[in-house]
Each structure stands twice: as structure tokens, then as C-alpha cells.
Amino acid sequence: MSAPIRFVVPGQPIGKGRPRATKIGGSAPLHAGKTCDYEGLIGLHGALAMAGKPDKDNVIKAIYDGLNGVCWVDDAQVCEGVQRKRYAAEPGVTVEIEELA
């Protein structure tokens, strides 16, 4: 078993985006990404003004997906997790990964 991997992702945490449908010529293809539409932009600025942070579950999804092909082949391999959401003067995410025996 190898030593745990620990690192900090600095900056404001960003939750995993949800696919959004936009109707184009009778079809509604799904697209994911940062908030593009005006209502989303308004919501984002409202959340920032209220000092809101993203949902913990969506931050975890973003971390797990971001580590696919880096720390594991696929996040389906993750068997156990402990997450805590805390507020601090300096925003960021601390990640620690440990291989289970």
C-alpha cells in the first residue's frame, strides 16, 4: 500500500455543472459547462453576493471526475469517502487520497 496523496486546489470551489438543454430547430441537445444563460448569470452573481458556495456533492463530483485517469482509471473505483464543507478566509479544496488494502 502506498502513502496517501494530499494536495490543495486553491481558489473558490466550483461544483460539477449539470447538463442543460437548449432547444435548437426542434431538438434539444444537452450541453454542460459554466453558466451561459442570463438567468444562470444572475443566479451566480446573487450567490456570490450572498457569499454562497456550491453544493458539497457537486464539488465532490468535480473532484472525482477531475482525477479520472490521474489518480484512478475511473471514479467508480472510489469505495469510501469522507467529506467536510468548511468556510475559511482563503477558499480552496484539500484532497487526500489513500489506497485501501
N, C-alpha and C. Protein backbone atom coordinates (compact mmCIF):
# COMPACT_ATOMS: atom_id res chain seq x y z
N MET A 1 0.85 -1.18 0.00
CA MET A 1 0.00 0.00 0.00
C MET A 1 0.89 1.24 0.00
N SER A 2 0.58 2.19 -0.84
CA SER A 2 1.39 3.40 -0.97
C SER A 2 0.94 4.47 0.02
N ALA A 3 1.78 5.47 0.20
CA ALA A 3 1.48 6.58 1.11
C ALA A 3 0.33 7.41 0.55
N PRO A 4 -0.46 8.03 1.43
CA PRO A 4 -1.57 8.87 0.95
C PRO A 4 -1.06 10.02 0.09
N ILE A 5 -1.87 10.41 -0.86
CA ILE A 5 -1.59 11.57 -1.71
C ILE A 5 -2.41 12.72 -1.15
N ARG A 6 -1.79 13.88 -0.95
CA ARG A 6 -2.50 15.04 -0.40
C ARG A 6 -2.12 16.27 -1.19
N PHE A 7 -3.12 17.05 -1.60
CA PHE A 7 -2.86 18.30 -2.31
C PHE A 7 -4.00 19.27 -2.08
N VAL A 8 -3.73 20.54 -2.35
CA VAL A 8 -4.71 21.61 -2.18
C VAL A 8 -4.99 22.24 -3.53
N VAL A 9 -6.25 22.39 -3.85
CA VAL A 9 -6.67 23.11 -5.05
C VAL A 9 -7.07 24.51 -4.59
N PRO A 10 -6.26 25.53 -4.90
CA PRO A 10 -6.57 26.87 -4.41
C PRO A 10 -7.73 27.51 -5.18
N GLY A 11 -8.36 28.47 -4.54
CA GLY A 11 -9.43 29.22 -5.20
C GLY A 11 -10.81 28.73 -4.82
N GLN A 12 -11.79 29.48 -5.27
CA GLN A 12 -13.18 29.19 -4.98
C GLN A 12 -13.57 27.84 -5.58
N PRO A 13 -14.11 26.91 -4.77
CA PRO A 13 -14.55 25.62 -5.32
C PRO A 13 -15.67 25.82 -6.33
N ILE A 14 -15.66 25.01 -7.38
CA ILE A 14 -16.71 25.06 -8.41
C ILE A 14 -17.33 23.68 -8.50
N GLY A 15 -18.63 23.63 -8.33
CA GLY A 15 -19.34 22.35 -8.40
C GLY A 15 -19.44 21.84 -9.83
N LYS A 16 -19.63 20.55 -9.96
CA LYS A 16 -19.82 19.92 -11.26
C LYS A 16 -21.07 20.48 -11.91
N GLY A 17 -20.95 20.96 -13.15
CA GLY A 17 -22.09 21.51 -13.87
C GLY A 17 -23.06 20.42 -14.28
N ARG A 18 -24.30 20.78 -14.36
CA ARG A 18 -25.32 19.84 -14.83
C ARG A 18 -25.58 20.12 -16.30
N PRO A 19 -25.84 19.07 -17.07
CA PRO A 19 -26.17 19.30 -18.48
C PRO A 19 -27.44 20.13 -18.59
N ARG A 20 -27.45 21.04 -19.54
CA ARG A 20 -28.62 21.89 -19.78
C ARG A 20 -29.09 21.67 -21.20
N ALA A 21 -30.39 21.72 -21.39
CA ALA A 21 -30.95 21.54 -22.73
C ALA A 21 -31.30 22.90 -23.31
N THR A 22 -30.95 23.10 -24.57
CA THR A 22 -31.30 24.30 -25.30
C THR A 22 -32.00 23.87 -26.58
N LYS A 23 -33.18 24.37 -26.82
CA LYS A 23 -33.94 23.96 -27.99
C LYS A 23 -33.39 24.66 -29.23
N ILE A 24 -32.96 23.85 -30.20
CA ILE A 24 -32.42 24.37 -31.47
C ILE A 24 -33.12 23.64 -32.60
N GLY A 25 -33.92 24.35 -33.37
CA GLY A 25 -34.58 23.77 -34.53
C GLY A 25 -35.39 22.52 -34.23
N GLY A 26 -36.12 22.50 -33.14
CA GLY A 26 -36.98 21.37 -32.82
C GLY A 26 -36.32 20.29 -31.98
N SER A 27 -34.99 20.31 -31.85
CA SER A 27 -34.33 19.32 -30.99
C SER A 27 -33.69 20.04 -29.82
N ALA A 28 -33.42 19.30 -28.78
CA ALA A 28 -32.84 19.89 -27.58
C ALA A 28 -31.56 19.13 -27.18
N PRO A 29 -30.43 19.45 -27.83
CA PRO A 29 -29.19 18.79 -27.45
C PRO A 29 -28.75 19.22 -26.06
N LEU A 30 -28.12 18.31 -25.31
CA LEU A 30 -27.63 18.63 -23.99
C LEU A 30 -26.23 19.20 -24.10
N HIS A 31 -25.94 20.18 -23.26
CA HIS A 31 -24.58 20.69 -23.18
C HIS A 31 -24.28 21.02 -21.73
N ALA A 32 -23.05 20.79 -21.31
CA ALA A 32 -22.63 21.08 -19.94
C ALA A 32 -21.60 22.18 -19.99
N GLY A 33 -21.35 22.81 -18.90
CA GLY A 33 -20.34 23.83 -18.84
C GLY A 33 -20.73 24.88 -17.82
N LYS A 34 -19.97 25.95 -17.79
CA LYS A 34 -20.27 27.03 -16.87
C LYS A 34 -21.57 27.71 -17.29
N THR A 35 -22.12 28.41 -16.36
CA THR A 35 -23.40 29.07 -16.61
C THR A 35 -23.28 30.02 -17.79
N CYS A 36 -24.13 29.78 -18.81
CA CYS A 36 -24.05 30.57 -20.03
C CYS A 36 -25.24 31.49 -20.18
N ASP A 37 -26.40 31.07 -19.73
CA ASP A 37 -27.58 31.87 -19.98
C ASP A 37 -27.72 32.99 -18.95
N TYR A 38 -28.54 33.92 -19.26
CA TYR A 38 -28.70 35.13 -18.45
C TYR A 38 -29.21 34.83 -17.06
N GLU A 39 -30.18 33.94 -16.94
CA GLU A 39 -30.72 33.59 -15.62
C GLU A 39 -29.64 32.95 -14.76
N GLY A 40 -28.83 32.11 -15.36
CA GLY A 40 -27.73 31.49 -14.62
C GLY A 40 -26.72 32.51 -14.17
N LEU A 41 -26.45 33.48 -15.03
CA LEU A 41 -25.52 34.55 -14.69
C LEU A 41 -26.04 35.37 -13.52
N ILE A 42 -27.33 35.66 -13.54
CA ILE A 42 -27.96 36.40 -12.43
C ILE A 42 -27.85 35.57 -11.15
N GLY A 43 -28.16 34.27 -11.23
CA GLY A 43 -28.06 33.41 -10.06
C GLY A 43 -26.66 33.33 -9.50
N LEU A 44 -25.67 33.26 -10.39
CA LEU A 44 -24.28 33.20 -9.96
C LEU A 44 -23.89 34.45 -9.18
N HIS A 45 -24.22 35.61 -9.73
CA HIS A 45 -23.87 36.86 -9.05
C HIS A 45 -24.65 37.01 -7.75
N GLY A 46 -25.90 36.52 -7.72
CA GLY A 46 -26.67 36.55 -6.49
C GLY A 46 -26.03 35.67 -5.42
N ALA A 47 -25.56 34.48 -5.82
CA ALA A 47 -24.92 33.57 -4.87
C ALA A 47 -23.61 34.17 -4.35
N LEU A 48 -22.86 34.81 -5.23
CA LEU A 48 -21.61 35.45 -4.80
C LEU A 48 -21.89 36.58 -3.82
N ALA A 49 -22.93 37.35 -4.10
CA ALA A 49 -23.29 38.45 -3.21
C ALA A 49 -23.73 37.93 -1.84
N MET A 50 -24.32 36.74 -1.83
CA MET A 50 -24.78 36.13 -0.58
C MET A 50 -23.68 35.28 0.06
N ALA A 51 -22.48 35.33 -0.49
CA ALA A 51 -21.34 34.53 -0.02
C ALA A 51 -21.64 33.04 -0.06
N GLY A 52 -22.43 32.63 -1.07
CA GLY A 52 -22.78 31.22 -1.21
C GLY A 52 -21.66 30.44 -1.87
N LYS A 53 -21.56 29.17 -1.54
CA LYS A 53 -20.61 28.28 -2.20
C LYS A 53 -21.39 27.14 -2.80
N PRO A 54 -20.79 26.39 -3.75
CA PRO A 54 -21.52 25.31 -4.42
C PRO A 54 -21.85 24.16 -3.47
N ASP A 55 -22.82 23.39 -3.88
CA ASP A 55 -23.24 22.21 -3.15
C ASP A 55 -22.06 21.26 -2.97
N LYS A 56 -21.88 20.75 -1.76
CA LYS A 56 -20.74 19.86 -1.46
C LYS A 56 -20.71 18.66 -2.40
N ASP A 57 -21.87 18.08 -2.67
CA ASP A 57 -21.91 16.91 -3.56
C ASP A 57 -21.40 17.22 -4.96
N ASN A 58 -21.72 18.42 -5.46
CA ASN A 58 -21.26 18.80 -6.80
C ASN A 58 -19.76 19.08 -6.83
N VAL A 59 -19.21 19.61 -5.73
CA VAL A 59 -17.76 19.80 -5.65
C VAL A 59 -17.07 18.44 -5.66
N ILE A 60 -17.63 17.49 -4.91
CA ILE A 60 -17.04 16.14 -4.86
C ILE A 60 -17.08 15.50 -6.24
N LYS A 61 -18.20 15.65 -6.96
CA LYS A 61 -18.29 15.10 -8.32
C LYS A 61 -17.22 15.69 -9.21
N ALA A 62 -16.99 17.00 -9.11
CA ALA A 62 -15.97 17.66 -9.93
C ALA A 62 -14.58 17.13 -9.59
N ILE A 63 -14.30 16.92 -8.30
CA ILE A 63 -13.00 16.39 -7.89
C ILE A 63 -12.83 14.97 -8.42
N TYR A 64 -13.82 14.12 -8.21
CA TYR A 64 -13.72 12.73 -8.66
C TYR A 64 -13.52 12.66 -10.17
N ASP A 65 -14.30 13.42 -10.93
CA ASP A 65 -14.16 13.40 -12.38
C ASP A 65 -12.83 13.98 -12.82
N GLY A 66 -12.36 15.01 -12.13
CA GLY A 66 -11.08 15.62 -12.47
C GLY A 66 -9.90 14.69 -12.25
N LEU A 67 -10.06 13.72 -11.35
CA LEU A 67 -8.97 12.78 -11.05
C LEU A 67 -9.06 11.49 -11.85
N ASN A 68 -10.09 11.37 -12.70
CA ASN A 68 -10.16 10.21 -13.60
C ASN A 68 -8.94 10.21 -14.51
N GLY A 69 -8.28 9.07 -14.60
CA GLY A 69 -7.09 8.97 -15.45
C GLY A 69 -5.85 9.56 -14.82
N VAL A 70 -5.98 10.13 -13.61
CA VAL A 70 -4.84 10.72 -12.91
C VAL A 70 -4.52 9.90 -11.66
N CYS A 71 -5.50 9.78 -10.77
CA CYS A 71 -5.32 9.03 -9.53
C CYS A 71 -6.00 7.67 -9.58
N TRP A 72 -6.93 7.50 -10.49
CA TRP A 72 -7.60 6.22 -10.70
C TRP A 72 -8.03 6.16 -12.16
N VAL A 73 -8.37 4.98 -12.62
CA VAL A 73 -8.84 4.84 -14.00
C VAL A 73 -10.19 5.52 -14.15
N ASP A 74 -11.10 5.24 -13.22
CA ASP A 74 -12.43 5.82 -13.25
C ASP A 74 -12.90 6.00 -11.81
N ASP A 75 -13.67 7.05 -11.53
CA ASP A 75 -14.10 7.30 -10.16
C ASP A 75 -15.04 6.22 -9.62
N ALA A 76 -15.49 5.31 -10.47
CA ALA A 76 -16.27 4.17 -9.99
C ALA A 76 -15.43 3.29 -9.06
N GLN A 77 -14.11 3.45 -9.11
CA GLN A 77 -13.22 2.69 -8.24
C GLN A 77 -13.21 3.22 -6.81
N VAL A 78 -13.70 4.43 -6.58
CA VAL A 78 -13.70 5.02 -5.24
C VAL A 78 -14.72 4.27 -4.39
N CYS A 79 -14.24 3.71 -3.28
CA CYS A 79 -15.08 2.86 -2.43
C CYS A 79 -15.52 3.55 -1.15
N GLU A 80 -14.81 4.54 -0.73
CA GLU A 80 -15.07 5.16 0.56
C GLU A 80 -14.69 6.63 0.49
N GLY A 81 -15.40 7.47 1.21
CA GLY A 81 -15.06 8.88 1.20
C GLY A 81 -15.55 9.60 2.44
N VAL A 82 -14.78 10.56 2.88
CA VAL A 82 -15.16 11.44 3.98
C VAL A 82 -15.02 12.86 3.47
N GLN A 83 -16.09 13.61 3.52
CA GLN A 83 -16.07 14.98 3.03
C GLN A 83 -16.57 15.92 4.11
N ARG A 84 -15.96 17.08 4.17
CA ARG A 84 -16.38 18.13 5.09
C ARG A 84 -16.39 19.44 4.34
N LYS A 85 -17.43 20.20 4.54
CA LYS A 85 -17.52 21.53 3.93
C LYS A 85 -17.28 22.54 5.05
N ARG A 86 -16.29 23.37 4.85
CA ARG A 86 -15.94 24.38 5.84
C ARG A 86 -15.75 25.71 5.14
N TYR A 87 -15.96 26.78 5.86
CA TYR A 87 -15.76 28.12 5.33
C TYR A 87 -14.50 28.70 5.94
N ALA A 88 -13.67 29.32 5.09
CA ALA A 88 -12.40 29.87 5.55
C ALA A 88 -12.12 31.17 4.83
N ALA A 89 -11.17 31.92 5.36
CA ALA A 89 -10.78 33.19 4.74
C ALA A 89 -10.19 32.96 3.35
N GLU A 90 -9.42 31.89 3.20
CA GLU A 90 -8.82 31.53 1.92
C GLU A 90 -9.58 30.35 1.32
N PRO A 91 -10.29 30.54 0.20
CA PRO A 91 -11.03 29.43 -0.38
C PRO A 91 -10.11 28.40 -1.02
N GLY A 92 -10.55 27.18 -1.01
CA GLY A 92 -9.78 26.10 -1.63
C GLY A 92 -10.36 24.76 -1.25
N VAL A 93 -9.80 23.71 -1.83
CA VAL A 93 -10.23 22.34 -1.57
C VAL A 93 -8.98 21.52 -1.25
N THR A 94 -9.00 20.82 -0.12
CA THR A 94 -7.92 19.92 0.23
C THR A 94 -8.37 18.50 -0.10
N VAL A 95 -7.52 17.80 -0.83
CA VAL A 95 -7.85 16.43 -1.26
C VAL A 95 -6.79 15.50 -0.70
N GLU A 96 -7.23 14.41 -0.09
CA GLU A 96 -6.31 13.37 0.37
C GLU A 96 -6.85 12.04 -0.12
N ILE A 97 -5.98 11.29 -0.78
CA ILE A 97 -6.37 10.01 -1.37
C ILE A 97 -5.50 8.93 -0.75
N GLU A 98 -6.15 7.87 -0.30
CA GLU A 98 -5.44 6.76 0.31
C GLU A 98 -5.93 5.46 -0.30
N GLU A 99 -5.00 4.61 -0.68
CA GLU A 99 -5.35 3.31 -1.23
C GLU A 99 -5.82 2.40 -0.11
N LEU A 100 -6.95 1.71 -0.34
CA LEU A 100 -7.45 0.78 0.66
C LEU A 100 -6.80 -0.58 0.45
N ALA A 101 -6.49 -1.25 1.56
CA ALA A 101 -5.86 -2.57 1.48
C ALA A 101 -6.89 -3.63 1.18
